[in-house]
Amino acid sequence: MRTESRLAYSEALGHDLEYRVYTADRDANGFLIGQPIVAFPSMNGRVWDWEGWGMIEAVAQLIDAGRITLYCADGIDWQSWTNGGVPVEERAKRHEAYETYLVNELLPIMRGESGRQEVWATGCSMGAFHAANLFFRHPDLVDGVIAISGVYKPTRFLGAFADDAVYFNSPLYYLPNLADPWYLERYRRARLVFVVGQGAWEDDMLADTRALEAVLSEKGVPATFDYWGHDADHDWPWWRKMLPHHLERLLDS
């Protein structure tokens, strides 16, 4: 496995931001081999969290075999959704800047280095929110998601407040009202997995996952919803089991 840490100035965010690449090699055309996947840290997490919490080790066999190339993104949740020191509107706008960074800066690098038009996205807890929201807003850029123990609306941080910036970054707000066939057709072609435990600290995530399942079913969007047992807690040891399990399944499908 080759690991690269890259630090670059983000025009969208106005400061340097790091991302890390975990890959096996390049092919004869110079492209990084394997399915490119952007991985988001959990709430208030940083770019090194996936390695530090053992998630890279959990999928190392897939990286070493050239089946995936993982791009671990840095997070800015403390500047956006969890920043209780600024008005809700400013938090949502800061998240919009983060999405602009992803769409205009990070994803083009991933597409260019892989030679692929679309990438996959994954994350745990708040990282699952970022992965799912990125897909639902940009299904022309992301065509696969493994979202683990996620919340899909930010009421946990913002209460019931929802201006346009909040609404359009909350899948459980905007998806029920979405009827545009351009989006729905792309949703229906994508590979989607939403997995959650039923153990400790999973109540909010379990409720949001069930609500999302109902919405996607009503829209005719096929997706896998996988509910693990009452011993499966909202914690990294379980996420290290859930991710490789579903990655293997999606890669083989």
C-alpha atoms as a PDB file:
ATOM      1  CA  MET A   1       0.000   0.000   0.000  1.00  0.00           C
ATOM      2  CA  ARG A   2       1.179   3.497  -0.869  1.00  0.00           C
ATOM      3  CA  THR A   3       0.135   6.365   1.384  1.00  0.00           C
ATOM      4  CA  GLU A   4       0.305  10.010   0.367  1.00  0.00           C
ATOM      5  CA  SER A   5      -0.517  13.027   2.548  1.00  0.00           C
ATOM      6  CA  ARG A   6      -1.345  16.075   0.470  1.00  0.00           C
ATOM      7  CA  LEU A   7      -1.841  19.610   1.751  1.00  0.00           C
ATOM      8  CA  ALA A   8      -3.217  22.303  -0.527  1.00  0.00           C
ATOM      9  CA  TYR A   9      -4.884  25.699  -0.270  1.00  0.00           C
ATOM     10  CA  SER A  10      -8.648  25.550  -0.805  1.00  0.00           C
ATOM     11  CA  GLU A  11     -10.129  28.464  -2.704  1.00  0.00           C
ATOM     12  CA  ALA A  12     -13.594  27.520  -1.477  1.00  0.00           C
ATOM     13  CA  LEU A  13     -12.658  27.438   2.207  1.00  0.00           C
ATOM     14  CA  GLY A  14      -9.911  30.046   2.287  1.00  0.00           C
ATOM     15  CA  HIS A  15      -7.328  27.930   4.097  1.00  0.00           C
ATOM     16  CA  ASP A  16      -5.115  24.878   3.637  1.00  0.00           C
ATOM     17  CA  LEU A  17      -6.755  21.482   3.830  1.00  0.00           C
ATOM     18  CA  GLU A  18      -5.162  18.051   3.837  1.00  0.00           C
ATOM     19  CA  TYR A  19      -6.358  14.818   2.285  1.00  0.00           C
ATOM     20  CA  ARG A  20      -4.710  11.391   2.288  1.00  0.00           C
ATOM     21  CA  VAL A  21      -4.565   8.797  -0.450  1.00  0.00           C
ATOM     22  CA  TYR A  22      -4.259   5.052   0.156  1.00  0.00           C
ATOM     23  CA  THR A  23      -3.657   3.030  -3.001  1.00  0.00           C
ATOM     24  CA  ALA A  24      -1.797   0.028  -4.371  1.00  0.00           C
ATOM     25  CA  ASP A  25      -0.333   1.315  -7.614  1.00  0.00           C
ATOM     26  CA  ARG A  26      -0.989   2.854 -11.012  1.00  0.00           C
ATOM     27  CA  ASP A  27      -2.002   1.008 -14.165  1.00  0.00           C
ATOM     28  CA  ALA A  28      -0.210   1.107 -17.536  1.00  0.00           C
ATOM     29  CA  ASN A  29      -1.969   4.387 -18.361  1.00  0.00           C
ATOM     30  CA  GLY A  30      -0.866   6.040 -15.132  1.00  0.00           C
ATOM     31  CA  PHE A  31      -4.255   5.870 -13.398  1.00  0.00           C
ATOM     32  CA  LEU A  32      -4.558   4.846  -9.746  1.00  0.00           C
ATOM     33  CA  ILE A  33      -6.077   1.382  -9.739  1.00  0.00           C
ATOM     34  CA  GLY A  34      -9.276   0.332  -8.033  1.00  0.00           C
ATOM     35  CA  GLN A  35     -12.583   2.024  -7.307  1.00  0.00           C
ATOM     36  CA  PRO A  36     -11.920   5.582  -6.050  1.00  0.00           C
ATOM     37  CA  ILE A  37     -13.741   6.280  -2.789  1.00  0.00           C
ATOM     38  CA  VAL A  38     -13.866   9.476  -0.757  1.00  0.00           C
ATOM     39  CA  ALA A  39     -14.040   8.735   2.978  1.00  0.00           C
ATOM     40  CA  PHE A  40     -15.323  11.318   5.462  1.00  0.00           C
ATOM     41  CA  PRO A  41     -14.367  11.472   9.154  1.00  0.00           C
ATOM     42  CA  SER A  42     -16.970  11.240  11.892  1.00  0.00           C
ATOM     43  CA  MET A  43     -18.308  14.307  13.711  1.00  0.00           C
ATOM     44  CA  ASN A  44     -15.597  16.953  14.208  1.00  0.00           C
ATOM     45  CA  GLY A  45     -13.080  14.389  12.970  1.00  0.00           C
ATOM     46  CA  ARG A  46      -9.904  14.979  11.025  1.00  0.00           C
ATOM     47  CA  VAL A  47      -8.115  13.543   8.030  1.00  0.00           C
ATOM     48  CA  TRP A  48      -6.063  11.114  10.134  1.00  0.00           C
ATOM     49  CA  ASP A  49      -9.044   9.557  11.937  1.00  0.00           C
ATOM     50  CA  TRP A  50      -9.595   6.685   9.518  1.00  0.00           C
ATOM     51  CA  GLU A  51      -6.036   5.535   9.921  1.00  0.00           C
ATOM     52  CA  GLY A  52      -5.980   6.206  13.646  1.00  0.00           C
ATOM     53  CA  TRP A  53      -9.187   4.265  14.319  1.00  0.00           C
ATOM     54  CA  GLY A  54      -8.126   1.253  12.283  1.00  0.00           C
ATOM     55  CA  MET A  55     -10.404   1.737   9.278  1.00  0.00           C
ATOM     56  CA  ILE A  56      -7.514   1.687   6.815  1.00  0.00           C
ATOM     57  CA  GLU A  57      -6.309  -1.586   8.303  1.00  0.00           C
ATOM     58  CA  ALA A  58      -9.867  -2.954   8.053  1.00  0.00           C
ATOM     59  CA  VAL A  59      -9.903  -2.445   4.267  1.00  0.00           C
ATOM     60  CA  ALA A  60      -6.154  -2.877   3.644  1.00  0.00           C
ATOM     61  CA  GLN A  61      -6.673  -6.169   1.818  1.00  0.00           C
ATOM     62  CA  LEU A  62      -8.931  -4.429  -0.708  1.00  0.00           C
ATOM     63  CA  ILE A  63      -6.426  -1.610  -1.183  1.00  0.00           C
ATOM     64  CA  ASP A  64      -3.463  -3.964  -1.533  1.00  0.00           C
ATOM     65  CA  ALA A  65      -5.366  -6.046  -4.075  1.00  0.00           C
ATOM     66  CA  GLY A  66      -5.933  -2.966  -6.218  1.00  0.00           C
ATOM     67  CA  ARG A  67      -9.693  -3.073  -5.789  1.00  0.00           C
ATOM     68  CA  ILE A  68     -10.094   0.356  -4.162  1.00  0.00           C
ATOM     69  CA  THR A  69      -8.178   3.606  -3.802  1.00  0.00           C
ATOM     70  CA  LEU A  70      -9.246   5.512  -0.714  1.00  0.00           C
ATOM     71  CA  TYR A  71      -9.129   9.299  -0.404  1.00  0.00           C
ATOM     72  CA  CYS A  72      -9.600  10.375   3.213  1.00  0.00           C
ATOM     73  CA  ALA A  73     -10.976  13.905   3.322  1.00  0.00           C
ATOM     74  CA  ASP A  74     -10.469  16.310   6.185  1.00  0.00           C
ATOM     75  CA  GLY A  75     -13.533  17.651   7.973  1.00  0.00           C
ATOM     76  CA  ILE A  76     -14.649  21.119   9.039  1.00  0.00           C
ATOM     77  CA  ASP A  77     -17.744  20.274  11.122  1.00  0.00           C
ATOM     78  CA  TRP A  78     -16.576  22.603  13.900  1.00  0.00           C
ATOM     79  CA  GLN A  79     -16.718  25.457  11.392  1.00  0.00           C
ATOM     80  CA  SER A  80     -20.181  24.488  10.173  1.00  0.00           C
ATOM     81  CA  TRP A  81     -22.856  22.248  11.686  1.00  0.00           C
ATOM     82  CA  THR A  82     -21.427  21.879  15.205  1.00  0.00           C
ATOM     83  CA  ASN A  83     -20.253  25.498  15.553  1.00  0.00           C
ATOM     84  CA  GLY A  84     -22.687  26.703  18.197  1.00  0.00           C
ATOM     85  CA  GLY A  85     -21.018  30.113  18.356  1.00  0.00           C
ATOM     86  CA  VAL A  86     -22.483  31.377  15.062  1.00  0.00           C
ATOM     87  CA  PRO A  87     -26.043  31.641  13.683  1.00  0.00           C
ATOM     88  CA  VAL A  88     -27.514  28.597  11.999  1.00  0.00           C
ATOM     89  CA  GLU A  89     -27.523  30.333   8.616  1.00  0.00           C
ATOM     90  CA  GLU A  90     -23.768  30.856   8.789  1.00  0.00           C
ATOM     91  CA  ARG A  91     -23.197  27.231   9.735  1.00  0.00           C
ATOM     92  CA  ALA A  92     -25.129  26.030   6.700  1.00  0.00           C
ATOM     93  CA  LYS A  93     -23.300  28.456   4.411  1.00  0.00           C
ATOM     94  CA  ARG A  94     -19.962  27.210   5.715  1.00  0.00           C
ATOM     95  CA  HIS A  95     -21.016  23.683   4.880  1.00  0.00           C
ATOM     96  CA  GLU A  96     -21.875  24.909   1.382  1.00  0.00           C
ATOM     97  CA  ALA A  97     -18.287  26.132   1.083  1.00  0.00           C
ATOM     98  CA  TYR A  98     -17.080  22.676   2.129  1.00  0.00           C
ATOM     99  CA  GLU A  99     -19.247  21.072  -0.533  1.00  0.00           C
ATOM    100  CA  THR A 100     -17.831  23.476  -3.094  1.00  0.00           C
ATOM    101  CA  TYR A 101     -14.361  22.324  -2.048  1.00  0.00           C
ATOM    102  CA  LEU A 102     -15.381  18.708  -2.556  1.00  0.00           C
ATOM    103  CA  VAL A 103     -17.074  19.229  -5.914  1.00  0.00           C
ATOM    104  CA  ASN A 104     -14.627  21.711  -7.458  1.00  0.00           C
ATOM    105  CA  GLU A 105     -11.339  20.701  -5.861  1.00  0.00           C
ATOM    106  CA  LEU A 106     -11.157  17.182  -4.387  1.00  0.00           C
ATOM    107  CA  LEU A 107     -13.457  15.181  -6.664  1.00  0.00           C
ATOM    108  CA  PRO A 108     -11.823  16.457  -9.880  1.00  0.00           C
ATOM    109  CA  ILE A 109      -8.485  15.201  -8.551  1.00  0.00           C
ATOM    110  CA  MET A 110     -10.019  11.809  -7.811  1.00  0.00           C
ATOM    111  CA  ARG A 111     -11.612  11.621 -11.247  1.00  0.00           C
ATOM    112  CA  GLY A 112      -8.423  12.684 -12.981  1.00  0.00           C
ATOM    113  CA  GLU A 113      -6.216  10.231 -11.101  1.00  0.00           C
ATOM    114  CA  SER A 114      -8.593   7.305 -11.591  1.00  0.00           C
ATOM    115  CA  GLY A 115      -9.774   8.018 -15.130  1.00  0.00           C
ATOM    116  CA  ARG A 116     -13.362   7.489 -13.937  1.00  0.00           C
ATOM    117  CA  GLN A 117     -16.311   9.826 -14.285  1.00  0.00           C
ATOM    118  CA  GLU A 118     -17.897   8.929 -10.950  1.00  0.00           C
ATOM    119  CA  VAL A 119     -16.537   8.027  -7.518  1.00  0.00           C
ATOM    120  CA  TRP A 120     -18.022   6.416  -4.420  1.00  0.00           C
ATOM    121  CA  ALA A 121     -18.447   8.003  -0.990  1.00  0.00           C
ATOM    122  CA  THR A 122     -18.435   6.550   2.497  1.00  0.00           C
ATOM    123  CA  GLY A 123     -18.364   7.634   6.120  1.00  0.00           C
ATOM    124  CA  CYS A 124     -19.501   6.765   9.618  1.00  0.00           C
ATOM    125  CA  SER A 125     -21.769   8.827  11.881  1.00  0.00           C
ATOM    126  CA  MET A 126     -21.523  12.448  10.649  1.00  0.00           C
ATOM    127  CA  GLY A 127     -19.305  11.133   7.873  1.00  0.00           C
ATOM    128  CA  ALA A 128     -22.277   9.098   6.627  1.00  0.00           C
ATOM    129  CA  PHE A 129     -24.294  12.319   6.442  1.00  0.00           C
ATOM    130  CA  HIS A 130     -21.591  13.933   4.309  1.00  0.00           C
ATOM    131  CA  ALA A 131     -21.327  10.899   2.025  1.00  0.00           C
ATOM    132  CA  ALA A 132     -25.081  10.591   1.526  1.00  0.00           C
ATOM    133  CA  ASN A 133     -25.695  14.321   1.077  1.00  0.00           C
ATOM    134  CA  LEU A 134     -22.888  14.593  -1.468  1.00  0.00           C
ATOM    135  CA  PHE A 135     -24.423  11.768  -3.475  1.00  0.00           C
ATOM    136  CA  PHE A 136     -28.012  12.979  -3.314  1.00  0.00           C
ATOM    137  CA  ARG A 137     -26.990  16.476  -4.405  1.00  0.00           C
ATOM    138  CA  HIS A 138     -24.484  15.353  -7.046  1.00  0.00           C
ATOM    139  CA  PRO A 139     -25.447  11.934  -8.433  1.00  0.00           C
ATOM    140  CA  ASP A 140     -23.594  12.781 -11.648  1.00  0.00           C
ATOM    141  CA  LEU A 141     -20.333  12.796  -9.681  1.00  0.00           C
ATOM    142  CA  VAL A 142     -20.970  10.048  -7.102  1.00  0.00           C
ATOM    143  CA  ASP A 143     -22.564   6.734  -8.055  1.00  0.00           C
ATOM    144  CA  GLY A 144     -21.994   4.622  -4.973  1.00  0.00           C
ATOM    145  CA  VAL A 145     -22.467   5.155  -1.222  1.00  0.00           C
ATOM    146  CA  ILE A 146     -21.817   3.134   1.910  1.00  0.00           C
ATOM    147  CA  ALA A 147     -23.221   5.240   4.748  1.00  0.00           C
ATOM    148  CA  ILE A 148     -22.749   3.782   8.227  1.00  0.00           C
ATOM    149  CA  SER A 149     -24.620   4.830  11.382  1.00  0.00           C
ATOM    150  CA  GLY A 150     -25.630   8.131   9.825  1.00  0.00           C
ATOM    151  CA  VAL A 151     -27.975  10.988  10.591  1.00  0.00           C
ATOM    152  CA  TYR A 152     -29.645  12.448   7.523  1.00  0.00           C
ATOM    153  CA  LYS A 153     -30.941  15.720   8.882  1.00  0.00           C
ATOM    154  CA  PRO A 154     -29.081  18.182  11.138  1.00  0.00           C
ATOM    155  CA  THR A 155     -31.782  18.733  13.773  1.00  0.00           C
ATOM    156  CA  ARG A 156     -29.494  17.130  16.340  1.00  0.00           C
ATOM    157  CA  PHE A 157     -27.277  20.235  16.025  1.00  0.00           C
ATOM    158  CA  LEU A 158     -29.691  22.922  14.831  1.00  0.00           C
ATOM    159  CA  GLY A 159     -33.068  22.096  16.316  1.00  0.00           C
ATOM    160  CA  ALA A 160     -36.031  22.415  13.953  1.00  0.00           C
ATOM    161  CA  PHE A 161     -34.653  25.480  12.138  1.00  0.00           C
ATOM    162  CA  ALA A 162     -34.472  25.125   8.357  1.00  0.00           C
ATOM    163  CA  ASP A 163     -33.762  27.983   5.975  1.00  0.00           C
ATOM    164  CA  ASP A 164     -32.979  27.136   2.343  1.00  0.00           C
ATOM    165  CA  ALA A 165     -29.313  26.433   3.018  1.00  0.00           C
ATOM    166  CA  VAL A 166     -30.209  23.989   5.801  1.00  0.00           C
ATOM    167  CA  TYR A 167     -33.126  22.456   3.895  1.00  0.00           C
ATOM    168  CA  PHE A 168     -31.135  21.702   0.753  1.00  0.00           C
ATOM    169  CA  ASN A 169     -28.353  20.039   2.765  1.00  0.00           C
ATOM    170  CA  SER A 170     -30.671  17.721   4.688  1.00  0.00           C
ATOM    171  CA  PRO A 171     -31.654  14.589   2.733  1.00  0.00           C
ATOM    172  CA  LEU A 172     -34.638  13.884   4.955  1.00  0.00           C
ATOM    173  CA  TYR A 173     -35.917  17.406   4.242  1.00  0.00           C
ATOM    174  CA  TYR A 174     -35.446  17.665   0.486  1.00  0.00           C
ATOM    175  CA  LEU A 175     -35.811  14.075  -0.711  1.00  0.00           C
ATOM    176  CA  PRO A 176     -39.531  13.668   0.137  1.00  0.00           C
ATOM    177  CA  ASN A 177     -40.325  16.644  -2.118  1.00  0.00           C
ATOM    178  CA  LEU A 178     -37.914  15.757  -4.924  1.00  0.00           C
ATOM    179  CA  ALA A 179     -39.590  14.707  -8.174  1.00  0.00           C
ATOM    180  CA  ASP A 180     -37.012  15.745 -10.781  1.00  0.00           C
ATOM    181  CA  PRO A 181     -36.408  12.729 -13.071  1.00  0.00           C
ATOM    182  CA  TRP A 182     -32.798  13.857 -13.712  1.00  0.00           C
ATOM    183  CA  TYR A 183     -32.000  13.080 -10.060  1.00  0.00           C
ATOM    184  CA  LEU A 184     -34.269  10.071  -9.611  1.00  0.00           C
ATOM    185  CA  GLU A 185     -32.945   8.267 -12.677  1.00  0.00           C
ATOM    186  CA  ARG A 186     -29.379   8.632 -11.398  1.00  0.00           C
ATOM    187  CA  TYR A 187     -30.365   7.574  -7.884  1.00  0.00           C
ATOM    188  CA  ARG A 188     -31.913   4.420  -9.319  1.00  0.00           C
ATOM    189  CA  ARG A 189     -28.709   3.510 -11.187  1.00  0.00           C
ATOM    190  CA  ALA A 190     -26.408   4.001  -8.203  1.00  0.00           C
ATOM    191  CA  ARG A 191     -25.118   1.460  -5.706  1.00  0.00           C
ATOM    192  CA  LEU A 192     -26.458   2.476  -2.303  1.00  0.00           C
ATOM    193  CA  VAL A 193     -25.942   0.933   1.122  1.00  0.00           C
ATOM    194  CA  PHE A 194     -27.161   2.344   4.433  1.00  0.00           C
ATOM    195  CA  VAL A 195     -26.160   0.318   7.477  1.00  0.00           C
ATOM    196  CA  VAL A 196     -26.789   0.944  11.158  1.00  0.00           C
ATOM    197  CA  GLY A 197     -26.591  -0.907  14.440  1.00  0.00           C
ATOM    198  CA  GLN A 198     -29.328  -1.210  17.023  1.00  0.00           C
ATOM    199  CA  GLY A 199     -27.085  -1.019  20.055  1.00  0.00           C
ATOM    200  CA  ALA A 200     -25.838   1.786  22.283  1.00  0.00           C
ATOM    201  CA  TRP A 201     -25.920   5.382  20.986  1.00  0.00           C
ATOM    202  CA  GLU A 202     -27.633   4.371  17.729  1.00  0.00           C
ATOM    203  CA  ASP A 203     -31.192   5.571  18.448  1.00  0.00           C
ATOM    204  CA  ASP A 204     -31.079   8.782  16.394  1.00  0.00           C
ATOM    205  CA  MET A 205     -29.196   7.084  13.569  1.00  0.00           C
ATOM    206  CA  LEU A 206     -31.590   4.145  13.556  1.00  0.00           C
ATOM    207  CA  ALA A 207     -34.584   6.484  13.310  1.00  0.00           C
ATOM    208  CA  ASP A 208     -33.042   8.481  10.456  1.00  0.00           C
ATOM    209  CA  THR A 209     -32.030   5.329   8.583  1.00  0.00           C
ATOM    210  CA  ARG A 210     -35.570   3.938   8.801  1.00  0.00           C
ATOM    211  CA  ALA A 211     -36.987   7.276   7.646  1.00  0.00           C
ATOM    212  CA  LEU A 212     -34.578   7.344   4.696  1.00  0.00           C
ATOM    213  CA  GLU A 213     -35.534   3.790   3.768  1.00  0.00           C
ATOM    214  CA  ALA A 214     -39.194   4.812   3.625  1.00  0.00           C
ATOM    215  CA  VAL A 215     -38.443   7.841   1.436  1.00  0.00           C
ATOM    216  CA  LEU A 216     -36.284   5.946  -1.064  1.00  0.00           C
ATOM    217  CA  SER A 217     -38.819   3.115  -1.252  1.00  0.00           C
ATOM    218  CA  GLU A 218     -41.583   5.616  -2.024  1.00  0.00           C
ATOM    219  CA  LYS A 219     -39.396   7.111  -4.790  1.00  0.00           C
ATOM    220  CA  GLY A 220     -38.653   3.713  -6.310  1.00  0.00           C
ATOM    221  CA  VAL A 221     -34.930   3.996  -5.544  1.00  0.00           C
ATOM    222  CA  PRO A 222     -33.350   0.586  -4.863  1.00  0.00           C
ATOM    223  CA  ALA A 223     -30.945   0.562  -1.935  1.00  0.00           C
ATOM    224  CA  THR A 224     -29.659  -1.874   0.646  1.00  0.00           C
ATOM    225  CA  PHE A 225     -30.665  -1.090   4.231  1.00  0.00           C
ATOM    226  CA  ASP A 226     -28.840  -3.300   6.682  1.00  0.00           C
ATOM    227  CA  TYR A 227     -29.823  -3.265  10.362  1.00  0.00           C
ATOM    228  CA  TRP A 228     -27.272  -4.979  12.591  1.00  0.00           C
ATOM    229  CA  GLY A 229     -28.128  -6.415  15.987  1.00  0.00           C
ATOM    230  CA  HIS A 230     -28.735  -4.873  19.389  1.00  0.00           C
ATOM    231  CA  ASP A 231     -25.097  -5.551  20.270  1.00  0.00           C
ATOM    232  CA  ALA A 232     -23.883  -3.339  17.382  1.00  0.00           C
ATOM    233  CA  ASP A 233     -23.000  -0.007  18.989  1.00  0.00           C
ATOM    234  CA  HIS A 234     -22.283   3.401  17.468  1.00  0.00           C
ATOM    235  CA  ASP A 235     -18.527   2.916  17.585  1.00  0.00           C
ATOM    236  CA  TRP A 236     -15.471   2.194  15.470  1.00  0.00           C
ATOM    237  CA  PRO A 237     -15.090  -1.522  16.315  1.00  0.00           C
ATOM    238  CA  TRP A 238     -18.435  -2.186  14.639  1.00  0.00           C
ATOM    239  CA  TRP A 239     -17.772   0.180  11.750  1.00  0.00           C
ATOM    240  CA  ARG A 240     -14.528  -1.717  11.050  1.00  0.00           C
ATOM    241  CA  LYS A 241     -16.702  -4.798  10.467  1.00  0.00           C
ATOM    242  CA  MET A 242     -19.508  -3.116   8.540  1.00  0.00           C
ATOM    243  CA  LEU A 243     -17.417  -1.344   5.904  1.00  0.00           C
ATOM    244  CA  PRO A 244     -15.376  -4.244   4.482  1.00  0.00           C
ATOM    245  CA  HIS A 245     -18.464  -6.468   4.565  1.00  0.00           C
ATOM    246  CA  HIS A 246     -20.389  -4.132   2.284  1.00  0.00           C
ATOM    247  CA  LEU A 247     -17.426  -3.054   0.184  1.00  0.00           C
ATOM    248  CA  GLU A 248     -16.794  -6.683  -0.776  1.00  0.00           C
ATOM    249  CA  ARG A 249     -20.443  -7.076  -1.746  1.00  0.00           C
ATOM    250  CA  LEU A 250     -20.612  -3.907  -3.850  1.00  0.00           C
ATOM    251  CA  LEU A 251     -17.320  -4.559  -5.614  1.00  0.00           C
ATOM    252  CA  ASP A 252     -18.475  -8.056  -6.561  1.00  0.00           C
ATOM    253  CA  SER A 253     -21.918  -6.960  -7.764  1.00  0.00           C
END
